Amino acid sequence: MIIAGLRDASYGKMGAMARKKKMKRFSAVAAVKALARERIGIPPAARVVPDRKKKKKGTEKHKPTLGKMLEQD
């Protein structure tokens, strides 16, 4: 078969069949999570827990000394 002789055929249209979807590998973790979602429901959205060790902005590095505390009063 000569491709150049055909008007409607081009290299882009050759093999226009859809490809078969690739089967995903079985994952036990994903299966357990799916079962848990069915039984219990979707877990609530994650919340950020502030780290205690991180310093808050605007706080002093050192505790005020007794002298400084007495000066403020």
PDB file of N, CA and C in Angstrom:
ATOM      1  N   MET A   1       0.846  -1.173   0.000  1.00  0.00           N
ATOM      2  CA  MET A   1       0.000   0.000   0.000  1.00  0.00           C
ATOM      3  C   MET A   1       0.894   1.239   0.000  1.00  0.00           C
ATOM      4  N   ILE A   2       0.597   2.147  -0.862  1.00  0.00           N
ATOM      5  CA  ILE A   2       1.372   3.379  -0.960  1.00  0.00           C
ATOM      6  C   ILE A   2       0.579   4.481  -0.273  1.00  0.00           C
ATOM      7  N   ILE A   3       1.172   5.083   0.740  1.00  0.00           N
ATOM      8  CA  ILE A   3       0.493   6.105   1.537  1.00  0.00           C
ATOM      9  C   ILE A   3       0.374   7.404   0.756  1.00  0.00           C
ATOM     10  N   ALA A   4       1.385   7.741  -0.005  1.00  0.00           N
ATOM     11  CA  ALA A   4       1.386   9.006  -0.735  1.00  0.00           C
ATOM     12  C   ALA A   4       0.264   9.041  -1.772  1.00  0.00           C
ATOM     13  N   GLY A   5      -0.158   7.897  -2.246  1.00  0.00           N
ATOM     14  CA  GLY A   5      -1.203   7.838  -3.257  1.00  0.00           C
ATOM     15  C   GLY A   5      -2.590   8.096  -2.687  1.00  0.00           C
ATOM     16  N   LEU A   6      -2.777   7.933  -1.381  1.00  0.00           N
ATOM     17  CA  LEU A   6      -4.083   8.154  -0.770  1.00  0.00           C
ATOM     18  C   LEU A   6      -4.220   9.614  -0.358  1.00  0.00           C
ATOM     19  N   ARG A   7      -5.351  10.237  -0.716  1.00  0.00           N
ATOM     20  CA  ARG A   7      -5.541  11.645  -0.408  1.00  0.00           C
ATOM     21  C   ARG A   7      -5.845  11.868   1.076  1.00  0.00           C
ATOM     22  N   ASP A   8      -6.764  11.091   1.662  1.00  0.00           N
ATOM     23  CA  ASP A   8      -7.230  11.335   3.016  1.00  0.00           C
ATOM     24  C   ASP A   8      -6.317  10.749   4.093  1.00  0.00           C
ATOM     25  N   ALA A   9      -5.365   9.964   3.739  1.00  0.00           N
ATOM     26  CA  ALA A   9      -4.497   9.334   4.729  1.00  0.00           C
ATOM     27  C   ALA A   9      -3.245  10.187   4.927  1.00  0.00           C
ATOM     28  N   SER A  10      -2.885  10.361   6.166  1.00  0.00           N
ATOM     29  CA  SER A  10      -1.638  11.051   6.479  1.00  0.00           C
ATOM     30  C   SER A  10      -1.001  10.320   7.652  1.00  0.00           C
ATOM     31  N   TYR A  11       0.216  10.672   7.969  1.00  0.00           N
ATOM     32  CA  TYR A  11       0.920   9.984   9.040  1.00  0.00           C
ATOM     33  C   TYR A  11       0.268  10.246  10.399  1.00  0.00           C
ATOM     34  N   GLY A  12      -0.360  11.391  10.583  1.00  0.00           N
ATOM     35  CA  GLY A  12      -1.007  11.720  11.838  1.00  0.00           C
ATOM     36  C   GLY A  12      -2.271  10.912  12.088  1.00  0.00           C
ATOM     37  N   LYS A  13      -2.938  10.482  11.023  1.00  0.00           N
ATOM     38  CA  LYS A  13      -4.197   9.754  11.178  1.00  0.00           C
ATOM     39  C   LYS A  13      -4.010   8.248  11.190  1.00  0.00           C
ATOM     40  N   MET A  14      -2.827   7.792  10.913  1.00  0.00           N
ATOM     41  CA  MET A  14      -2.588   6.350  10.906  1.00  0.00           C
ATOM     42  C   MET A  14      -2.590   5.833  12.343  1.00  0.00           C
ATOM     43  N   GLY A  15      -3.229   4.717  12.588  1.00  0.00           N
ATOM     44  CA  GLY A  15      -3.264   4.135  13.921  1.00  0.00           C
ATOM     45  C   GLY A  15      -4.052   5.005  14.884  1.00  0.00           C
ATOM     46  N   ALA A  16      -5.236   5.450  14.458  1.00  0.00           N
ATOM     47  CA  ALA A  16      -6.035   6.359  15.272  1.00  0.00           C
ATOM     48  C   ALA A  16      -6.845   5.621  16.341  1.00  0.00           C
ATOM     49  N   MET A  17      -6.594   4.354  16.524  1.00  0.00           N
ATOM     50  CA  MET A  17      -7.335   3.599  17.526  1.00  0.00           C
ATOM     51  C   MET A  17      -6.940   4.068  18.922  1.00  0.00           C
ATOM     52  N   ALA A  18      -7.921   4.097  19.823  1.00  0.00           N
ATOM     53  CA  ALA A  18      -7.646   4.507  21.202  1.00  0.00           C
ATOM     54  C   ALA A  18      -6.845   3.412  21.899  1.00  0.00           C
ATOM     55  N   ARG A  19      -5.931   3.837  22.728  1.00  0.00           N
ATOM     56  CA  ARG A  19      -5.109   2.862  23.449  1.00  0.00           C
ATOM     57  C   ARG A  19      -5.869   2.336  24.652  1.00  0.00           C
ATOM     58  N   LYS A  20      -5.553   1.129  25.016  1.00  0.00           N
ATOM     59  CA  LYS A  20      -6.173   0.501  26.172  1.00  0.00           C
ATOM     60  C   LYS A  20      -5.569   1.103  27.441  1.00  0.00           C
ATOM     61  N   LYS A  21      -6.423   1.373  28.445  1.00  0.00           N
ATOM     62  CA  LYS A  21      -5.909   1.944  29.684  1.00  0.00           C
ATOM     63  C   LYS A  21      -5.055   0.930  30.413  1.00  0.00           C
ATOM     64  N   LYS A  22      -3.983   1.417  30.994  1.00  0.00           N
ATOM     65  CA  LYS A  22      -3.068   0.566  31.731  1.00  0.00           C
ATOM     66  C   LYS A  22      -3.677   0.234  33.090  1.00  0.00           C
ATOM     67  N   MET A  23      -3.665  -1.011  33.478  1.00  0.00           N
ATOM     68  CA  MET A  23      -4.216  -1.423  34.763  1.00  0.00           C
ATOM     69  C   MET A  23      -3.276  -0.965  35.876  1.00  0.00           C
ATOM     70  N   LYS A  24      -3.867  -0.377  36.950  1.00  0.00           N
ATOM     71  CA  LYS A  24      -3.053   0.060  38.071  1.00  0.00           C
ATOM     72  C   LYS A  24      -2.687  -1.151  38.920  1.00  0.00           C
ATOM     73  N   ARG A  25      -1.492  -1.117  39.482  1.00  0.00           N
ATOM     74  CA  ARG A  25      -1.054  -2.197  40.359  1.00  0.00           C
ATOM     75  C   ARG A  25      -1.841  -2.144  41.644  1.00  0.00           C
ATOM     76  N   PHE A  26      -2.117  -3.312  42.224  1.00  0.00           N
ATOM     77  CA  PHE A  26      -2.869  -3.379  43.477  1.00  0.00           C
ATOM     78  C   PHE A  26      -2.027  -2.832  44.604  1.00  0.00           C
ATOM     79  N   SER A  27      -2.642  -1.961  45.402  1.00  0.00           N
ATOM     80  CA  SER A  27      -1.977  -1.390  46.560  1.00  0.00           C
ATOM     81  C   SER A  27      -2.844  -1.683  47.775  1.00  0.00           C
ATOM     82  N   ALA A  28      -2.289  -2.407  48.739  1.00  0.00           N
ATOM     83  CA  ALA A  28      -3.043  -2.770  49.929  1.00  0.00           C
ATOM     84  C   ALA A  28      -3.418  -1.524  50.729  1.00  0.00           C
ATOM     85  N   VAL A  29      -2.533  -0.552  50.783  1.00  0.00           N
ATOM     86  CA  VAL A  29      -2.789   0.679  51.534  1.00  0.00           C
ATOM     87  C   VAL A  29      -3.987   1.409  50.941  1.00  0.00           C
ATOM     88  N   ALA A  30      -4.014   1.536  49.621  1.00  0.00           N
ATOM     89  CA  ALA A  30      -5.115   2.227  48.963  1.00  0.00           C
ATOM     90  C   ALA A  30      -6.427   1.484  49.178  1.00  0.00           C
ATOM     91  N   ALA A  31      -6.395   0.152  49.169  1.00  0.00           N
ATOM     92  CA  ALA A  31      -7.600  -0.644  49.377  1.00  0.00           C
ATOM     93  C   ALA A  31      -8.136  -0.463  50.790  1.00  0.00           C
ATOM     94  N   VAL A  32      -7.261  -0.470  51.773  1.00  0.00           N
ATOM     95  CA  VAL A  32      -7.678  -0.296  53.168  1.00  0.00           C
ATOM     96  C   VAL A  32      -8.254   1.101  53.375  1.00  0.00           C
ATOM     97  N   LYS A  33      -7.619   2.111  52.795  1.00  0.00           N
ATOM     98  CA  LYS A  33      -8.115   3.481  52.927  1.00  0.00           C
ATOM     99  C   LYS A  33      -9.489   3.626  52.277  1.00  0.00           C
ATOM    100  N   ALA A  34      -9.678   2.989  51.117  1.00  0.00           N
ATOM    101  CA  ALA A  34     -10.973   3.068  50.434  1.00  0.00           C
ATOM    102  C   ALA A  34     -12.061   2.422  51.275  1.00  0.00           C
ATOM    103  N   LEU A  35     -11.775   1.274  51.889  1.00  0.00           N
ATOM    104  CA  LEU A  35     -12.758   0.620  52.760  1.00  0.00           C
ATOM    105  C   LEU A  35     -13.083   1.480  53.973  1.00  0.00           C
ATOM    106  N   ALA A  36     -12.069   2.116  54.543  1.00  0.00           N
ATOM    107  CA  ALA A  36     -12.284   2.968  55.709  1.00  0.00           C
ATOM    108  C   ALA A  36     -13.152   4.170  55.339  1.00  0.00           C
ATOM    109  N   ARG A  37     -12.939   4.745  54.153  1.00  0.00           N
ATOM    110  CA  ARG A  37     -13.749   5.879  53.718  1.00  0.00           C
ATOM    111  C   ARG A  37     -15.203   5.470  53.528  1.00  0.00           C
ATOM    112  N   GLU A  38     -15.426   4.259  53.032  1.00  0.00           N
ATOM    113  CA  GLU A  38     -16.794   3.768  52.844  1.00  0.00           C
ATOM    114  C   GLU A  38     -17.490   3.591  54.189  1.00  0.00           C
ATOM    115  N   ARG A  39     -16.792   3.023  55.152  1.00  0.00           N
ATOM    116  CA  ARG A  39     -17.415   2.704  56.440  1.00  0.00           C
ATOM    117  C   ARG A  39     -17.553   3.927  57.341  1.00  0.00           C
ATOM    118  N   ILE A  40     -16.478   4.668  57.492  1.00  0.00           N
ATOM    119  CA  ILE A  40     -16.449   5.779  58.454  1.00  0.00           C
ATOM    120  C   ILE A  40     -16.832   7.094  57.790  1.00  0.00           C
ATOM    121  N   GLY A  41     -16.386   7.309  56.604  1.00  0.00           N
ATOM    122  CA  GLY A  41     -16.620   8.571  55.913  1.00  0.00           C
ATOM    123  C   GLY A  41     -15.311   9.275  55.657  1.00  0.00           C
ATOM    124  N   ILE A  42     -15.391  10.375  54.953  1.00  0.00           N
ATOM    125  CA  ILE A  42     -14.195  11.128  54.593  1.00  0.00           C
ATOM    126  C   ILE A  42     -13.668  11.840  55.838  1.00  0.00           C
ATOM    127  N   PRO A  43     -12.354  11.767  56.109  1.00  0.00           N
ATOM    128  CA  PRO A  43     -11.799  12.444  57.284  1.00  0.00           C
ATOM    129  C   PRO A  43     -11.885  13.955  57.128  1.00  0.00           C
ATOM    130  N   PRO A  44     -11.956  14.677  58.239  1.00  0.00           N
ATOM    131  CA  PRO A  44     -12.007  16.144  58.149  1.00  0.00           C
ATOM    132  C   PRO A  44     -10.699  16.706  57.600  1.00  0.00           C
ATOM    133  N   ALA A  45     -10.761  17.909  57.083  1.00  0.00           N
ATOM    134  CA  ALA A  45      -9.577  18.549  56.520  1.00  0.00           C
ATOM    135  C   ALA A  45      -8.521  18.733  57.605  1.00  0.00           C
ATOM    136  N   ALA A  46      -7.274  18.616  57.215  1.00  0.00           N
ATOM    137  CA  ALA A  46      -6.170  18.726  58.175  1.00  0.00           C
ATOM    138  C   ALA A  46      -6.051  20.150  58.688  1.00  0.00           C
ATOM    139  N   ARG A  47      -5.704  20.282  59.949  1.00  0.00           N
ATOM    140  CA  ARG A  47      -5.491  21.588  60.551  1.00  0.00           C
ATOM    141  C   ARG A  47      -4.030  21.710  60.944  1.00  0.00           C
ATOM    142  N   VAL A  48      -3.493  22.895  60.797  1.00  0.00           N
ATOM    143  CA  VAL A  48      -2.096  23.129  61.143  1.00  0.00           C
ATOM    144  C   VAL A  48      -2.003  23.342  62.652  1.00  0.00           C
ATOM    145  N   VAL A  49      -1.156  22.541  63.290  1.00  0.00           N
ATOM    146  CA  VAL A  49      -0.939  22.675  64.728  1.00  0.00           C
ATOM    147  C   VAL A  49       0.308  23.521  64.919  1.00  0.00           C
ATOM    148  N   PRO A  50       0.201  24.654  65.635  1.00  0.00           N
ATOM    149  CA  PRO A  50       1.391  25.500  65.812  1.00  0.00           C
ATOM    150  C   PRO A  50       2.450  24.784  66.657  1.00  0.00           C
ATOM    151  N   ASP A  51       3.697  24.960  66.274  1.00  0.00           N
ATOM    152  CA  ASP A  51       4.809  24.331  66.968  1.00  0.00           C
ATOM    153  C   ASP A  51       5.128  25.135  68.225  1.00  0.00           C
ATOM    154  N   ARG A  52       5.221  24.462  69.352  1.00  0.00           N
ATOM    155  CA  ARG A  52       5.492  25.140  70.617  1.00  0.00           C
ATOM    156  C   ARG A  52       6.910  25.707  70.660  1.00  0.00           C
ATOM    157  N   LYS A  53       7.821  25.037  69.983  1.00  0.00           N
ATOM    158  CA  LYS A  53       9.221  25.446  70.052  1.00  0.00           C
ATOM    159  C   LYS A  53       9.502  26.717  69.260  1.00  0.00           C
ATOM    160  N   LYS A  54       8.688  26.973  68.248  1.00  0.00           N
ATOM    161  CA  LYS A  54       8.913  28.177  67.454  1.00  0.00           C
ATOM    162  C   LYS A  54       8.481  29.391  68.257  1.00  0.00           C
ATOM    163  N   LYS A  55       9.291  30.417  68.191  1.00  0.00           N
ATOM    164  CA  LYS A  55       9.023  31.620  68.966  1.00  0.00           C
ATOM    165  C   LYS A  55       7.935  32.444  68.287  1.00  0.00           C
ATOM    166  N   LYS A  56       7.148  33.087  69.093  1.00  0.00           N
ATOM    167  CA  LYS A  56       6.144  33.996  68.560  1.00  0.00           C
ATOM    168  C   LYS A  56       6.842  35.299  68.211  1.00  0.00           C
ATOM    169  N   LYS A  57       6.376  35.917  67.146  1.00  0.00           N
ATOM    170  CA  LYS A  57       6.986  37.181  66.733  1.00  0.00           C
ATOM    171  C   LYS A  57       6.642  38.268  67.740  1.00  0.00           C
ATOM    172  N   GLY A  58       7.591  39.069  68.051  1.00  0.00           N
ATOM    173  CA  GLY A  58       7.367  40.187  68.945  1.00  0.00           C
ATOM    174  C   GLY A  58       7.654  39.879  70.406  1.00  0.00           C
ATOM    175  N   THR A  59       8.027  38.648  70.719  1.00  0.00           N
ATOM    176  CA  THR A  59       8.335  38.341  72.121  1.00  0.00           C
ATOM    177  C   THR A  59       9.807  38.587  72.379  1.00  0.00           C
ATOM    178  N   GLU A  60      10.122  38.861  73.628  1.00  0.00           N
ATOM    179  CA  GLU A  60      11.509  39.124  73.995  1.00  0.00           C
ATOM    180  C   GLU A  60      12.264  37.814  74.144  1.00  0.00           C
ATOM    181  N   LYS A  61      13.578  37.880  73.952  1.00  0.00           N
ATOM    182  CA  LYS A  61      14.404  36.680  74.070  1.00  0.00           C
ATOM    183  C   LYS A  61      14.595  36.278  75.524  1.00  0.00           C
ATOM    184  N   HIS A  62      14.689  37.262  76.388  1.00  0.00           N
ATOM    185  CA  HIS A  62      14.972  36.981  77.791  1.00  0.00           C
ATOM    186  C   HIS A  62      13.856  37.536  78.673  1.00  0.00           C
ATOM    187  N   LYS A  63      13.677  36.890  79.794  1.00  0.00           N
ATOM    188  CA  LYS A  63      12.708  37.391  80.765  1.00  0.00           C
ATOM    189  C   LYS A  63      13.228  38.703  81.336  1.00  0.00           C
ATOM    190  N   PRO A  64      12.315  39.623  81.652  1.00  0.00           N
ATOM    191  CA  PRO A  64      12.787  40.885  82.239  1.00  0.00           C
ATOM    192  C   PRO A  64      13.361  40.647  83.636  1.00  0.00           C
ATOM    193  N   THR A  65      14.432  41.359  83.940  1.00  0.00           N
ATOM    194  CA  THR A  65      15.070  41.222  85.253  1.00  0.00           C
ATOM    195  C   THR A  65      14.244  41.954  86.300  1.00  0.00           C
ATOM    196  N   LEU A  66      14.523  41.682  87.551  1.00  0.00           N
ATOM    197  CA  LEU A  66      13.792  42.312  88.649  1.00  0.00           C
ATOM    198  C   LEU A  66      13.970  43.830  88.609  1.00  0.00           C
ATOM    199  N   GLY A  67      15.152  44.275  88.254  1.00  0.00           N
ATOM    200  CA  GLY A  67      15.420  45.718  88.162  1.00  0.00           C
ATOM    201  C   GLY A  67      14.560  46.381  87.099  1.00  0.00           C
ATOM    202  N   LYS A  68      14.448  45.771  85.927  1.00  0.00           N
ATOM    203  CA  LYS A  68      13.636  46.334  84.854  1.00  0.00           C
ATOM    204  C   LYS A  68      12.153  46.311  85.222  1.00  0.00           C
ATOM    205  N   MET A  69      11.717  45.267  85.929  1.00  0.00           N
ATOM    206  CA  MET A  69      10.314  45.187  86.338  1.00  0.00           C
ATOM    207  C   MET A  69       9.981  46.287  87.330  1.00  0.00           C
ATOM    208  N   LEU A  70      10.923  46.583  88.245  1.00  0.00           N
ATOM    209  CA  LEU A  70      10.703  47.632  89.244  1.00  0.00           C
ATOM    210  C   LEU A  70      10.721  49.020  88.595  1.00  0.00           C
ATOM    211  N   GLU A  71      11.546  49.203  87.540  1.00  0.00           N
ATOM    212  CA  GLU A  71      11.615  50.484  86.843  1.00  0.00           C
ATOM    213  C   GLU A  71      10.321  50.808  86.119  1.00  0.00           C
ATOM    214  N   GLN A  72       9.642  49.797  85.599  1.00  0.00           N
ATOM    215  CA  GLN A  72       8.394  50.006  84.851  1.00  0.00           C
ATOM    216  C   GLN A  72       7.279  50.505  85.758  1.00  0.00           C
ATOM    217  N   ASP A  73       7.235  50.069  86.999  1.00  0.00           N
ATOM    218  CA  ASP A  73       6.154  50.451  87.914  1.00  0.00           C
ATOM    219  C   ASP A  73       6.324  51.829  88.356  1.00  0.00           C
TER     220      ASP A  73
END
